[in-house]
Amino acid sequence: MSLKLRGKISGKEGSRSRISGTTGRHALFCKELADHLKSKRFLILLLLFGATSFASLYGAIAGLPEAIETDSNFVFLKLYTASGNSIPSFMSFIALIGPIIGLALGFDSVNSERTSGTLNRLVSQPIYRDSIIIGKFLAGTALIAIIIYAMGIAIGAVGILATGLKPGVEEVLRILIFLTFTVIYVAFWLALSIFFSVICRHAATSALASIAVWLFFAIFMSLVATIVAGAIYPINNDYNAVVNMFNNYTLELNLNRISPSYLYSEAVSIIMNPGARTVNVVTMDQLIGAVSGYLSLGQSLLLVWPHLVGLAALMLIAFAGSYIGFMRQEVRTN
């Protein structure tokens, strides 16, 4: 056989192998997405997220007159950011409920199949092994995107019908960017829960580990940041308060930004509030001569693009950990 013919054959085999890998990954993606959509878990999450979303819309409509008195610009965005009748805003609700969706979709994605024996049959199929973990993550992310975009658009549609407000082009773009940030944020928690599902043998253990990490970042990280900043730059008396106040606040802010929850909340508050002009400490010298006004969408994005990169990096790191852990595990195919 000539070298030219061998090259053609090997090229065809390589192309067939790549097509097989893509086809297997697509088949697993469709299977996992269908399983999610048919599960009672999806229905419960949809009802939970829908109830909290429309409750926040009710509170926003009730508090809309007061919010307009404070600032009459970008009124449509206030349907997502305003709160009323002691009901938090949609933005606050989604920061709290969003991680629960990601954790619920991924905490038993691998170990439950290993326990039931279906993982053995899955890896014995003529597909690449990495297609399994990639398909699970992509299916979960697709479902997260469906839920978040559907609820975000539903909030806007019901708000238009209830109030008669018409959003501007910039307001629509800000809402879509906010929802995109949310998908990436929730996908991080999905990737983290899949990681614990890979390394933990039992679903209950992976669920507890995922919830523990979420509670630490959501509640205790700010306490840790305050304690560490106070220990390094104490402000326990008037002199230390004058000398260390700026350094203390800067260090506490940077430590809080390690938390995905804080990073997300800070980013979306800039996107959904055009009046917010900075994410860092502002001194009196910087305020001298500053003109008050609103930032354009491009300027707001310049402020928060490091947050988007940070959230995406955290998501990829968490998924890389689950990918490596799954690929290195032994799965018996009896």
C-alpha atoms as a PDB file:
ATOM      1  CA  MET A   1       0.000   0.000   0.000  1.00  0.00           C
ATOM      2  CA  SER A   2       1.406   3.366  -0.943  1.00  0.00           C
ATOM      3  CA  LEU A   3       2.109   6.084   1.607  1.00  0.00           C
ATOM      4  CA  LYS A   4      -0.411   8.356  -0.126  1.00  0.00           C
ATOM      5  CA  LEU A   5      -3.190   5.755   0.186  1.00  0.00           C
ATOM      6  CA  ARG A   6      -2.284   5.102   3.823  1.00  0.00           C
ATOM      7  CA  GLY A   7      -2.499   8.812   4.492  1.00  0.00           C
ATOM      8  CA  LYS A   8      -5.961   8.995   2.971  1.00  0.00           C
ATOM      9  CA  ILE A   9      -7.145   6.010   5.004  1.00  0.00           C
ATOM     10  CA  SER A  10      -5.714   7.357   8.262  1.00  0.00           C
ATOM     11  CA  GLY A  11      -7.242  10.744   7.484  1.00  0.00           C
ATOM     12  CA  LYS A  12     -10.655   9.152   6.951  1.00  0.00           C
ATOM     13  CA  GLU A  13     -10.298   7.160  10.175  1.00  0.00           C
ATOM     14  CA  GLY A  14      -9.339  10.285  12.093  1.00  0.00           C
ATOM     15  CA  SER A  15     -12.286  12.185  10.619  1.00  0.00           C
ATOM     16  CA  ARG A  16     -14.612   9.268  11.441  1.00  0.00           C
ATOM     17  CA  SER A  17     -13.242   9.217  14.996  1.00  0.00           C
ATOM     18  CA  ARG A  18     -13.849  12.937  15.433  1.00  0.00           C
ATOM     19  CA  ILE A  19     -17.367  12.650  14.039  1.00  0.00           C
ATOM     20  CA  SER A  20     -18.023   9.724  16.387  1.00  0.00           C
ATOM     21  CA  GLY A  21     -16.849  11.792  19.361  1.00  0.00           C
ATOM     22  CA  THR A  22     -19.016  14.754  18.389  1.00  0.00           C
ATOM     23  CA  THR A  23     -22.025  12.522  17.750  1.00  0.00           C
ATOM     24  CA  GLY A  24     -21.611  10.742  21.088  1.00  0.00           C
ATOM     25  CA  ARG A  25     -21.297  14.022  22.949  1.00  0.00           C
ATOM     26  CA  HIS A  26     -24.408  15.373  21.236  1.00  0.00           C
ATOM     27  CA  ALA A  27     -26.356  12.196  22.020  1.00  0.00           C
ATOM     28  CA  LEU A  28     -25.367  12.356  25.687  1.00  0.00           C
ATOM     29  CA  PHE A  29     -26.227  16.071  25.812  1.00  0.00           C
ATOM     30  CA  CYS A  30     -29.713  15.364  24.427  1.00  0.00           C
ATOM     31  CA  LYS A  31     -30.176  12.422  26.818  1.00  0.00           C
ATOM     32  CA  GLU A  32     -29.158  14.419  29.896  1.00  0.00           C
ATOM     33  CA  LEU A  33     -31.259  17.420  28.884  1.00  0.00           C
ATOM     34  CA  ALA A  34     -34.295  15.200  28.281  1.00  0.00           C
ATOM     35  CA  ASP A  35     -33.775  13.508  31.661  1.00  0.00           C
ATOM     36  CA  HIS A  36     -33.660  16.911  33.369  1.00  0.00           C
ATOM     37  CA  LEU A  37     -36.771  18.176  31.602  1.00  0.00           C
ATOM     38  CA  LYS A  38     -38.749  15.035  32.486  1.00  0.00           C
ATOM     39  CA  SER A  39     -37.677  14.959  36.132  1.00  0.00           C
ATOM     40  CA  LYS A  40     -39.733  16.152  39.085  1.00  0.00           C
ATOM     41  CA  ARG A  41     -36.661  18.041  40.262  1.00  0.00           C
ATOM     42  CA  PHE A  42     -36.895  20.364  37.264  1.00  0.00           C
ATOM     43  CA  LEU A  43     -40.585  21.005  37.972  1.00  0.00           C
ATOM     44  CA  ILE A  44     -39.862  21.819  41.618  1.00  0.00           C
ATOM     45  CA  LEU A  45     -37.018  24.177  40.695  1.00  0.00           C
ATOM     46  CA  LEU A  46     -39.159  25.871  38.056  1.00  0.00           C
ATOM     47  CA  LEU A  47     -42.016  26.393  40.509  1.00  0.00           C
ATOM     48  CA  LEU A  48     -39.628  27.689  43.194  1.00  0.00           C
ATOM     49  CA  PHE A  49     -37.870  30.068  40.835  1.00  0.00           C
ATOM     50  CA  GLY A  50     -41.136  31.200  39.242  1.00  0.00           C
ATOM     51  CA  ALA A  51     -42.828  31.866  42.579  1.00  0.00           C
ATOM     52  CA  THR A  52     -39.928  33.922  43.899  1.00  0.00           C
ATOM     53  CA  SER A  53     -39.575  35.791  40.587  1.00  0.00           C
ATOM     54  CA  PHE A  54     -43.192  36.897  40.419  1.00  0.00           C
ATOM     55  CA  ALA A  55     -43.203  37.709  44.129  1.00  0.00           C
ATOM     56  CA  SER A  56     -40.265  40.032  43.520  1.00  0.00           C
ATOM     57  CA  LEU A  57     -42.125  41.584  40.558  1.00  0.00           C
ATOM     58  CA  TYR A  58     -45.121  42.236  42.802  1.00  0.00           C
ATOM     59  CA  GLY A  59     -42.871  43.927  45.341  1.00  0.00           C
ATOM     60  CA  ALA A  60     -41.129  45.952  42.613  1.00  0.00           C
ATOM     61  CA  ILE A  61     -44.448  47.220  41.211  1.00  0.00           C
ATOM     62  CA  ALA A  62     -45.598  48.157  44.721  1.00  0.00           C
ATOM     63  CA  GLY A  63     -42.355  50.050  45.389  1.00  0.00           C
ATOM     64  CA  LEU A  64     -42.137  51.591  41.913  1.00  0.00           C
ATOM     65  CA  PRO A  65     -43.649  55.023  42.794  1.00  0.00           C
ATOM     66  CA  GLU A  66     -41.143  55.508  45.603  1.00  0.00           C
ATOM     67  CA  ALA A  67     -38.270  54.378  43.381  1.00  0.00           C
ATOM     68  CA  ILE A  68     -39.348  56.800  40.631  1.00  0.00           C
ATOM     69  CA  GLU A  69     -39.402  59.679  43.136  1.00  0.00           C
ATOM     70  CA  THR A  70     -35.777  58.917  43.949  1.00  0.00           C
ATOM     71  CA  ASP A  71     -34.690  58.512  40.315  1.00  0.00           C
ATOM     72  CA  SER A  72     -37.004  58.842  37.320  1.00  0.00           C
ATOM     73  CA  ASN A  73     -34.509  57.506  34.760  1.00  0.00           C
ATOM     74  CA  PHE A  74     -34.219  53.897  33.558  1.00  0.00           C
ATOM     75  CA  VAL A  75     -37.575  53.082  35.152  1.00  0.00           C
ATOM     76  CA  PHE A  76     -37.940  49.686  33.451  1.00  0.00           C
ATOM     77  CA  LEU A  77     -34.767  48.412  35.123  1.00  0.00           C
ATOM     78  CA  LYS A  78     -36.401  49.071  38.469  1.00  0.00           C
ATOM     79  CA  LEU A  79     -38.740  46.120  37.835  1.00  0.00           C
ATOM     80  CA  TYR A  80     -35.638  43.973  38.405  1.00  0.00           C
ATOM     81  CA  THR A  81     -33.859  46.026  41.061  1.00  0.00           C
ATOM     82  CA  ALA A  82     -36.578  47.678  43.181  1.00  0.00           C
ATOM     83  CA  SER A  83     -38.049  46.071  46.285  1.00  0.00           C
ATOM     84  CA  GLY A  84     -41.270  46.771  48.150  1.00  0.00           C
ATOM     85  CA  ASN A  85     -43.590  45.444  50.842  1.00  0.00           C
ATOM     86  CA  SER A  86     -40.585  43.804  52.526  1.00  0.00           C
ATOM     87  CA  ILE A  87     -40.075  41.648  49.413  1.00  0.00           C
ATOM     88  CA  PRO A  88     -36.512  41.609  48.013  1.00  0.00           C
ATOM     89  CA  SER A  89     -35.860  42.539  44.409  1.00  0.00           C
ATOM     90  CA  PHE A  90     -35.584  40.028  41.561  1.00  0.00           C
ATOM     91  CA  MET A  91     -31.844  40.679  41.473  1.00  0.00           C
ATOM     92  CA  SER A  92     -31.550  39.804  45.185  1.00  0.00           C
ATOM     93  CA  PHE A  93     -33.728  36.726  44.820  1.00  0.00           C
ATOM     94  CA  ILE A  94     -31.773  35.378  41.886  1.00  0.00           C
ATOM     95  CA  ALA A  95     -28.471  35.832  43.741  1.00  0.00           C
ATOM     96  CA  LEU A  96     -29.900  33.654  46.529  1.00  0.00           C
ATOM     97  CA  ILE A  97     -31.906  31.080  44.554  1.00  0.00           C
ATOM     98  CA  GLY A  98     -29.538  30.779  41.584  1.00  0.00           C
ATOM     99  CA  PRO A  99     -26.864  28.670  43.354  1.00  0.00           C
ATOM    100  CA  ILE A 100     -29.585  26.318  44.616  1.00  0.00           C
ATOM    101  CA  ILE A 101     -30.544  25.552  41.008  1.00  0.00           C
ATOM    102  CA  GLY A 102     -26.953  24.756  40.063  1.00  0.00           C
ATOM    103  CA  LEU A 103     -26.361  22.624  43.156  1.00  0.00           C
ATOM    104  CA  ALA A 104     -29.634  20.726  42.743  1.00  0.00           C
ATOM    105  CA  LEU A 105     -28.890  19.840  39.123  1.00  0.00           C
ATOM    106  CA  GLY A 106     -25.384  18.520  39.691  1.00  0.00           C
ATOM    107  CA  PHE A 107     -24.896  17.110  43.194  1.00  0.00           C
ATOM    108  CA  ASP A 108     -25.812  13.529  42.152  1.00  0.00           C
ATOM    109  CA  SER A 109     -25.012  13.649  38.440  1.00  0.00           C
ATOM    110  CA  VAL A 110     -22.172  11.091  38.634  1.00  0.00           C
ATOM    111  CA  ASN A 111     -22.284   9.256  41.965  1.00  0.00           C
ATOM    112  CA  SER A 112     -25.974   8.333  41.623  1.00  0.00           C
ATOM    113  CA  GLU A 113     -25.266   6.653  38.277  1.00  0.00           C
ATOM    114  CA  ARG A 114     -22.244   4.922  39.774  1.00  0.00           C
ATOM    115  CA  THR A 115     -24.361   3.623  42.666  1.00  0.00           C
ATOM    116  CA  SER A 116     -27.206   2.429  40.441  1.00  0.00           C
ATOM    117  CA  GLY A 117     -24.823   0.784  37.976  1.00  0.00           C
ATOM    118  CA  THR A 118     -25.901   2.811  34.928  1.00  0.00           C
ATOM    119  CA  LEU A 119     -22.471   4.462  34.703  1.00  0.00           C
ATOM    120  CA  ASN A 120     -20.890   1.069  33.951  1.00  0.00           C
ATOM    121  CA  ARG A 121     -23.221   0.553  31.017  1.00  0.00           C
ATOM    122  CA  LEU A 122     -22.677   4.120  29.846  1.00  0.00           C
ATOM    123  CA  VAL A 123     -18.887   3.903  29.658  1.00  0.00           C
ATOM    124  CA  SER A 124     -19.123   0.545  27.880  1.00  0.00           C
ATOM    125  CA  GLN A 125     -20.794   2.242  24.917  1.00  0.00           C
ATOM    126  CA  PRO A 126     -18.648   3.174  21.873  1.00  0.00           C
ATOM    127  CA  ILE A 127     -18.244   6.814  22.907  1.00  0.00           C
ATOM    128  CA  TYR A 128     -15.399   8.802  24.344  1.00  0.00           C
ATOM    129  CA  ARG A 129     -15.359   8.816  28.109  1.00  0.00           C
ATOM    130  CA  ASP A 130     -14.942  12.582  28.363  1.00  0.00           C
ATOM    131  CA  SER A 131     -18.193  12.981  26.403  1.00  0.00           C
ATOM    132  CA  ILE A 132     -20.041  11.787  29.508  1.00  0.00           C
ATOM    133  CA  ILE A 133     -18.852  14.534  31.846  1.00  0.00           C
ATOM    134  CA  ILE A 134     -18.956  17.206  29.123  1.00  0.00           C
ATOM    135  CA  GLY A 135     -22.485  16.196  28.130  1.00  0.00           C
ATOM    136  CA  LYS A 136     -23.687  16.376  31.729  1.00  0.00           C
ATOM    137  CA  PHE A 137     -22.224  19.847  32.245  1.00  0.00           C
ATOM    138  CA  LEU A 138     -23.489  21.248  28.935  1.00  0.00           C
ATOM    139  CA  ALA A 139     -26.977  19.830  29.494  1.00  0.00           C
ATOM    140  CA  GLY A 140     -27.140  21.333  32.980  1.00  0.00           C
ATOM    141  CA  THR A 141     -25.899  24.692  31.695  1.00  0.00           C
ATOM    142  CA  ALA A 142     -28.462  24.651  28.870  1.00  0.00           C
ATOM    143  CA  LEU A 143     -31.250  23.965  31.368  1.00  0.00           C
ATOM    144  CA  ILE A 144     -30.000  26.790  33.605  1.00  0.00           C
ATOM    145  CA  ALA A 145     -30.010  29.160  30.626  1.00  0.00           C
ATOM    146  CA  ILE A 146     -33.564  28.100  29.717  1.00  0.00           C
ATOM    147  CA  ILE A 147     -34.842  28.737  33.251  1.00  0.00           C
ATOM    148  CA  ILE A 148     -33.088  32.061  33.774  1.00  0.00           C
ATOM    149  CA  TYR A 149     -33.794  33.587  30.370  1.00  0.00           C
ATOM    150  CA  ALA A 150     -37.409  32.392  30.475  1.00  0.00           C
ATOM    151  CA  MET A 151     -38.016  33.923  33.909  1.00  0.00           C
ATOM    152  CA  GLY A 152     -36.129  37.107  33.087  1.00  0.00           C
ATOM    153  CA  ILE A 153     -38.133  37.660  29.910  1.00  0.00           C
ATOM    154  CA  ALA A 154     -41.382  36.712  31.679  1.00  0.00           C
ATOM    155  CA  ILE A 155     -40.704  39.328  34.366  1.00  0.00           C
ATOM    156  CA  GLY A 156     -40.250  41.976  31.671  1.00  0.00           C
ATOM    157  CA  ALA A 157     -43.354  40.897  29.739  1.00  0.00           C
ATOM    158  CA  VAL A 158     -45.611  40.864  32.802  1.00  0.00           C
ATOM    159  CA  GLY A 159     -44.103  44.177  33.920  1.00  0.00           C
ATOM    160  CA  ILE A 160     -44.986  45.768  30.573  1.00  0.00           C
ATOM    161  CA  LEU A 161     -48.573  44.490  30.787  1.00  0.00           C
ATOM    162  CA  ALA A 162     -48.972  45.569  34.421  1.00  0.00           C
ATOM    163  CA  THR A 163     -47.385  49.020  34.256  1.00  0.00           C
ATOM    164  CA  GLY A 164     -47.428  50.001  30.592  1.00  0.00           C
ATOM    165  CA  LEU A 165     -43.707  50.804  30.687  1.00  0.00           C
ATOM    166  CA  LYS A 166     -41.774  50.464  27.445  1.00  0.00           C
ATOM    167  CA  PRO A 167     -38.095  49.545  27.782  1.00  0.00           C
ATOM    168  CA  GLY A 168     -35.444  51.330  25.789  1.00  0.00           C
ATOM    169  CA  VAL A 169     -32.822  49.551  23.729  1.00  0.00           C
ATOM    170  CA  GLU A 170     -30.118  50.108  26.356  1.00  0.00           C
ATOM    171  CA  GLU A 171     -32.389  48.789  29.110  1.00  0.00           C
ATOM    172  CA  VAL A 172     -33.081  45.611  27.121  1.00  0.00           C
ATOM    173  CA  LEU A 173     -29.361  45.102  26.504  1.00  0.00           C
ATOM    174  CA  ARG A 174     -28.573  45.628  30.192  1.00  0.00           C
ATOM    175  CA  ILE A 175     -31.190  43.046  31.172  1.00  0.00           C
ATOM    176  CA  LEU A 176     -29.825  40.493  28.679  1.00  0.00           C
ATOM    177  CA  ILE A 177     -26.260  41.059  29.955  1.00  0.00           C
ATOM    178  CA  PHE A 178     -27.522  40.691  33.527  1.00  0.00           C
ATOM    179  CA  LEU A 179     -29.160  37.367  32.642  1.00  0.00           C
ATOM    180  CA  THR A 180     -25.963  36.218  30.902  1.00  0.00           C
ATOM    181  CA  PHE A 181     -23.943  37.030  34.028  1.00  0.00           C
ATOM    182  CA  THR A 182     -26.490  35.008  36.005  1.00  0.00           C
ATOM    183  CA  VAL A 183     -26.172  31.961  33.729  1.00  0.00           C
ATOM    184  CA  ILE A 184     -22.383  31.960  34.148  1.00  0.00           C
ATOM    185  CA  TYR A 185     -22.733  32.442  37.913  1.00  0.00           C
ATOM    186  CA  VAL A 186     -25.183  29.543  38.303  1.00  0.00           C
ATOM    187  CA  ALA A 187     -23.105  27.393  35.925  1.00  0.00           C
ATOM    188  CA  PHE A 188     -20.183  27.790  38.340  1.00  0.00           C
ATOM    189  CA  TRP A 189     -22.263  26.213  41.108  1.00  0.00           C
ATOM    190  CA  LEU A 190     -23.320  23.476  38.716  1.00  0.00           C
ATOM    191  CA  ALA A 191     -19.681  22.720  37.886  1.00  0.00           C
ATOM    192  CA  LEU A 192     -18.797  22.741  41.599  1.00  0.00           C
ATOM    193  CA  SER A 193     -21.604  20.337  42.473  1.00  0.00           C
ATOM    194  CA  ILE A 194     -20.544  18.003  39.633  1.00  0.00           C
ATOM    195  CA  PHE A 195     -17.004  18.104  41.045  1.00  0.00           C
ATOM    196  CA  PHE A 196     -18.243  16.967  44.459  1.00  0.00           C
ATOM    197  CA  SER A 197     -20.415  14.357  42.763  1.00  0.00           C
ATOM    198  CA  VAL A 198     -17.279  12.969  41.115  1.00  0.00           C
ATOM    199  CA  ILE A 199     -15.077  12.858  44.214  1.00  0.00           C
ATOM    200  CA  CYS A 200     -17.767  11.806  46.719  1.00  0.00           C
ATOM    201  CA  ARG A 201     -19.171   8.296  46.642  1.00  0.00           C
ATOM    202  CA  HIS A 202     -22.612   9.169  48.046  1.00  0.00           C
ATOM    203  CA  ALA A 203     -25.046  11.813  46.817  1.00  0.00           C
ATOM    204  CA  ALA A 204     -25.809  13.019  50.349  1.00  0.00           C
ATOM    205  CA  THR A 205     -22.113  13.712  50.975  1.00  0.00           C
ATOM    206  CA  SER A 206     -21.693  15.670  47.751  1.00  0.00           C
ATOM    207  CA  ALA A 207     -24.863  17.662  48.489  1.00  0.00           C
ATOM    208  CA  LEU A 208     -23.631  18.598  51.979  1.00  0.00           C
ATOM    209  CA  ALA A 209     -20.198  19.568  50.656  1.00  0.00           C
ATOM    210  CA  SER A 210     -21.735  21.759  47.940  1.00  0.00           C
ATOM    211  CA  ILE A 211     -24.094  23.464  50.381  1.00  0.00           C
ATOM    212  CA  ALA A 212     -21.238  24.042  52.840  1.00  0.00           C
ATOM    213  CA  VAL A 213     -19.163  25.834  50.184  1.00  0.00           C
ATOM    214  CA  TRP A 214     -22.179  27.904  49.132  1.00  0.00           C
ATOM    215  CA  LEU A 215     -22.972  28.955  52.722  1.00  0.00           C
ATOM    216  CA  PHE A 216     -19.336  29.844  53.379  1.00  0.00           C
ATOM    217  CA  PHE A 217     -19.099  32.150  50.372  1.00  0.00           C
ATOM    218  CA  ALA A 218     -22.601  33.592  50.798  1.00  0.00           C
ATOM    219  CA  ILE A 219     -22.495  34.260  54.557  1.00  0.00           C
ATOM    220  CA  PHE A 220     -19.177  33.652  56.258  1.00  0.00           C
ATOM    221  CA  MET A 221     -16.736  35.014  53.672  1.00  0.00           C
ATOM    222  CA  SER A 222     -17.637  38.611  54.544  1.00  0.00           C
ATOM    223  CA  LEU A 223     -17.026  37.874  58.236  1.00  0.00           C
ATOM    224  CA  VAL A 224     -13.633  36.330  57.447  1.00  0.00           C
ATOM    225  CA  ALA A 225     -12.707  39.312  55.258  1.00  0.00           C
ATOM    226  CA  THR A 226     -13.640  41.753  58.034  1.00  0.00           C
ATOM    227  CA  ILE A 227     -11.621  39.857  60.637  1.00  0.00           C
ATOM    228  CA  VAL A 228      -8.525  39.535  58.430  1.00  0.00           C
ATOM    229  CA  ALA A 229      -8.633  43.193  57.350  1.00  0.00           C
ATOM    230  CA  GLY A 230      -9.089  44.294  60.968  1.00  0.00           C
ATOM    231  CA  ALA A 231      -6.119  42.177  62.081  1.00  0.00           C
ATOM    232  CA  ILE A 232      -3.774  43.520  59.389  1.00  0.00           C
ATOM    233  CA  TYR A 233      -5.011  47.134  59.402  1.00  0.00           C
ATOM    234  CA  PRO A 234      -6.656  47.690  62.802  1.00  0.00           C
ATOM    235  CA  ILE A 235      -9.064  50.590  63.273  1.00  0.00           C
ATOM    236  CA  ASN A 236      -9.699  50.090  66.980  1.00  0.00           C
ATOM    237  CA  ASN A 237      -8.937  53.720  67.923  1.00  0.00           C
ATOM    238  CA  ASP A 238      -9.113  57.169  66.373  1.00  0.00           C
ATOM    239  CA  TYR A 239      -5.487  57.210  65.221  1.00  0.00           C
ATOM    240  CA  ASN A 240      -5.646  53.787  63.575  1.00  0.00           C
ATOM    241  CA  ALA A 241      -8.972  54.703  62.003  1.00  0.00           C
ATOM    242  CA  VAL A 242      -7.405  57.737  60.323  1.00  0.00           C
ATOM    243  CA  VAL A 243      -4.249  55.907  59.234  1.00  0.00           C
ATOM    244  CA  ASN A 244      -5.626  52.500  58.266  1.00  0.00           C
ATOM    245  CA  MET A 245      -9.186  53.162  57.106  1.00  0.00           C
ATOM    246  CA  PHE A 246      -8.384  53.221  53.376  1.00  0.00           C
ATOM    247  CA  ASN A 247      -6.123  50.139  53.491  1.00  0.00           C
ATOM    248  CA  ASN A 248      -8.573  48.288  55.721  1.00  0.00           C
ATOM    249  CA  TYR A 249     -11.493  48.834  53.370  1.00  0.00           C
ATOM    250  CA  THR A 250      -9.436  48.029  50.254  1.00  0.00           C
ATOM    251  CA  LEU A 251      -8.181  44.744  51.714  1.00  0.00           C
ATOM    252  CA  GLU A 252     -11.661  43.750  52.885  1.00  0.00           C
ATOM    253  CA  LEU A 253     -13.069  44.529  49.430  1.00  0.00           C
ATOM    254  CA  ASN A 254     -10.417  42.446  47.659  1.00  0.00           C
ATOM    255  CA  LEU A 255     -10.920  39.507  50.017  1.00  0.00           C
ATOM    256  CA  ASN A 256     -14.670  39.628  49.474  1.00  0.00           C
ATOM    257  CA  ARG A 257     -14.093  39.446  45.728  1.00  0.00           C
ATOM    258  CA  ILE A 258     -12.731  35.943  46.174  1.00  0.00           C
ATOM    259  CA  SER A 259     -16.349  34.943  46.762  1.00  0.00           C
ATOM    260  CA  PRO A 260     -18.308  34.223  43.560  1.00  0.00           C
ATOM    261  CA  SER A 261     -21.461  35.506  45.280  1.00  0.00           C
ATOM    262  CA  TYR A 262     -19.909  38.902  46.027  1.00  0.00           C
ATOM    263  CA  LEU A 263     -18.307  39.076  42.590  1.00  0.00           C
ATOM    264  CA  TYR A 264     -21.646  38.415  40.918  1.00  0.00           C
ATOM    265  CA  SER A 265     -23.606  40.841  43.112  1.00  0.00           C
ATOM    266  CA  GLU A 266     -21.110  43.635  42.529  1.00  0.00           C
ATOM    267  CA  ALA A 267     -21.106  43.087  38.754  1.00  0.00           C
ATOM    268  CA  VAL A 268     -24.871  43.007  38.250  1.00  0.00           C
ATOM    269  CA  SER A 269     -25.381  46.023  40.523  1.00  0.00           C
ATOM    270  CA  ILE A 270     -23.204  48.021  38.107  1.00  0.00           C
ATOM    271  CA  ILE A 271     -24.959  46.642  35.015  1.00  0.00           C
ATOM    272  CA  MET A 272     -28.477  47.231  36.355  1.00  0.00           C
ATOM    273  CA  ASN A 273     -27.740  50.637  37.886  1.00  0.00           C
ATOM    274  CA  PRO A 274     -26.344  53.081  35.307  1.00  0.00           C
ATOM    275  CA  GLY A 275     -25.829  55.620  38.090  1.00  0.00           C
ATOM    276  CA  ALA A 276     -23.126  53.462  39.690  1.00  0.00           C
ATOM    277  CA  ARG A 277     -19.822  54.865  38.476  1.00  0.00           C
ATOM    278  CA  THR A 278     -17.153  52.841  40.273  1.00  0.00           C
ATOM    279  CA  VAL A 279     -16.487  49.494  41.949  1.00  0.00           C
ATOM    280  CA  ASN A 280     -13.499  50.646  44.003  1.00  0.00           C
ATOM    281  CA  VAL A 281     -12.824  53.104  46.789  1.00  0.00           C
ATOM    282  CA  VAL A 282     -13.272  56.752  45.796  1.00  0.00           C
ATOM    283  CA  THR A 283     -11.286  59.421  47.620  1.00  0.00           C
ATOM    284  CA  MET A 284     -12.292  63.059  48.090  1.00  0.00           C
ATOM    285  CA  ASP A 285      -9.580  64.133  45.657  1.00  0.00           C
ATOM    286  CA  GLN A 286     -11.160  62.014  42.958  1.00  0.00           C
ATOM    287  CA  LEU A 287     -14.599  63.476  43.628  1.00  0.00           C
ATOM    288  CA  ILE A 288     -13.419  67.054  43.109  1.00  0.00           C
ATOM    289  CA  GLY A 289     -14.527  68.200  39.672  1.00  0.00           C
ATOM    290  CA  ALA A 290     -16.464  64.999  38.921  1.00  0.00           C
ATOM    291  CA  VAL A 291     -19.696  65.488  36.965  1.00  0.00           C
ATOM    292  CA  SER A 292     -22.684  63.483  38.153  1.00  0.00           C
ATOM    293  CA  GLY A 293     -24.510  61.468  35.527  1.00  0.00           C
ATOM    294  CA  TYR A 294     -25.127  58.021  34.137  1.00  0.00           C
ATOM    295  CA  LEU A 295     -22.665  55.658  32.553  1.00  0.00           C
ATOM    296  CA  SER A 296     -23.313  54.301  29.093  1.00  0.00           C
ATOM    297  CA  LEU A 297     -23.602  50.550  28.620  1.00  0.00           C
ATOM    298  CA  GLY A 298     -20.083  50.363  27.207  1.00  0.00           C
ATOM    299  CA  GLN A 299     -18.634  52.210  30.202  1.00  0.00           C
ATOM    300  CA  SER A 300     -20.501  49.946  32.638  1.00  0.00           C
ATOM    301  CA  LEU A 301     -19.126  46.904  30.833  1.00  0.00           C
ATOM    302  CA  LEU A 302     -15.603  48.302  31.128  1.00  0.00           C
ATOM    303  CA  LEU A 303     -16.079  48.397  34.894  1.00  0.00           C
ATOM    304  CA  VAL A 304     -17.330  44.834  35.232  1.00  0.00           C
ATOM    305  CA  TRP A 305     -15.501  42.868  32.532  1.00  0.00           C
ATOM    306  CA  PRO A 306     -12.930  41.649  35.129  1.00  0.00           C
ATOM    307  CA  HIS A 307     -15.865  40.272  37.125  1.00  0.00           C
ATOM    308  CA  LEU A 308     -17.146  38.401  34.083  1.00  0.00           C
ATOM    309  CA  VAL A 309     -13.692  36.998  33.375  1.00  0.00           C
ATOM    310  CA  GLY A 310     -13.332  36.003  37.032  1.00  0.00           C
ATOM    311  CA  LEU A 311     -16.698  34.204  37.133  1.00  0.00           C
ATOM    312  CA  ALA A 312     -15.962  32.412  33.858  1.00  0.00           C
ATOM    313  CA  ALA A 313     -12.517  31.394  35.138  1.00  0.00           C
ATOM    314  CA  LEU A 314     -13.986  30.025  38.379  1.00  0.00           C
ATOM    315  CA  MET A 315     -16.567  28.067  36.383  1.00  0.00           C
ATOM    316  CA  LEU A 316     -13.899  26.580  34.110  1.00  0.00           C
ATOM    317  CA  ILE A 317     -11.642  25.719  37.063  1.00  0.00           C
ATOM    318  CA  ALA A 318     -14.490  23.916  38.835  1.00  0.00           C
ATOM    319  CA  PHE A 319     -15.391  22.016  35.666  1.00  0.00           C
ATOM    320  CA  ALA A 320     -11.733  21.190  34.982  1.00  0.00           C
ATOM    321  CA  GLY A 321     -11.518  19.651  38.460  1.00  0.00           C
ATOM    322  CA  SER A 322     -14.579  17.469  37.805  1.00  0.00           C
ATOM    323  CA  TYR A 323     -13.299  16.561  34.325  1.00  0.00           C
ATOM    324  CA  ILE A 324      -9.852  15.485  35.575  1.00  0.00           C
ATOM    325  CA  GLY A 325     -11.324  13.640  38.546  1.00  0.00           C
ATOM    326  CA  PHE A 326     -13.788  11.744  36.360  1.00  0.00           C
ATOM    327  CA  MET A 327     -11.185  10.832  33.739  1.00  0.00           C
ATOM    328  CA  ARG A 328      -8.811   9.460  36.360  1.00  0.00           C
ATOM    329  CA  GLN A 329     -11.401   7.380  38.194  1.00  0.00           C
ATOM    330  CA  GLU A 330     -11.735   3.678  37.545  1.00  0.00           C
ATOM    331  CA  VAL A 331     -15.160   2.631  36.346  1.00  0.00           C
ATOM    332  CA  ARG A 332     -15.625  -1.100  36.038  1.00  0.00           C
ATOM    333  CA  THR A 333     -17.630  -2.237  33.037  1.00  0.00           C
ATOM    334  CA  ASN A 334     -18.889  -5.603  34.173  1.00  0.00           C
END
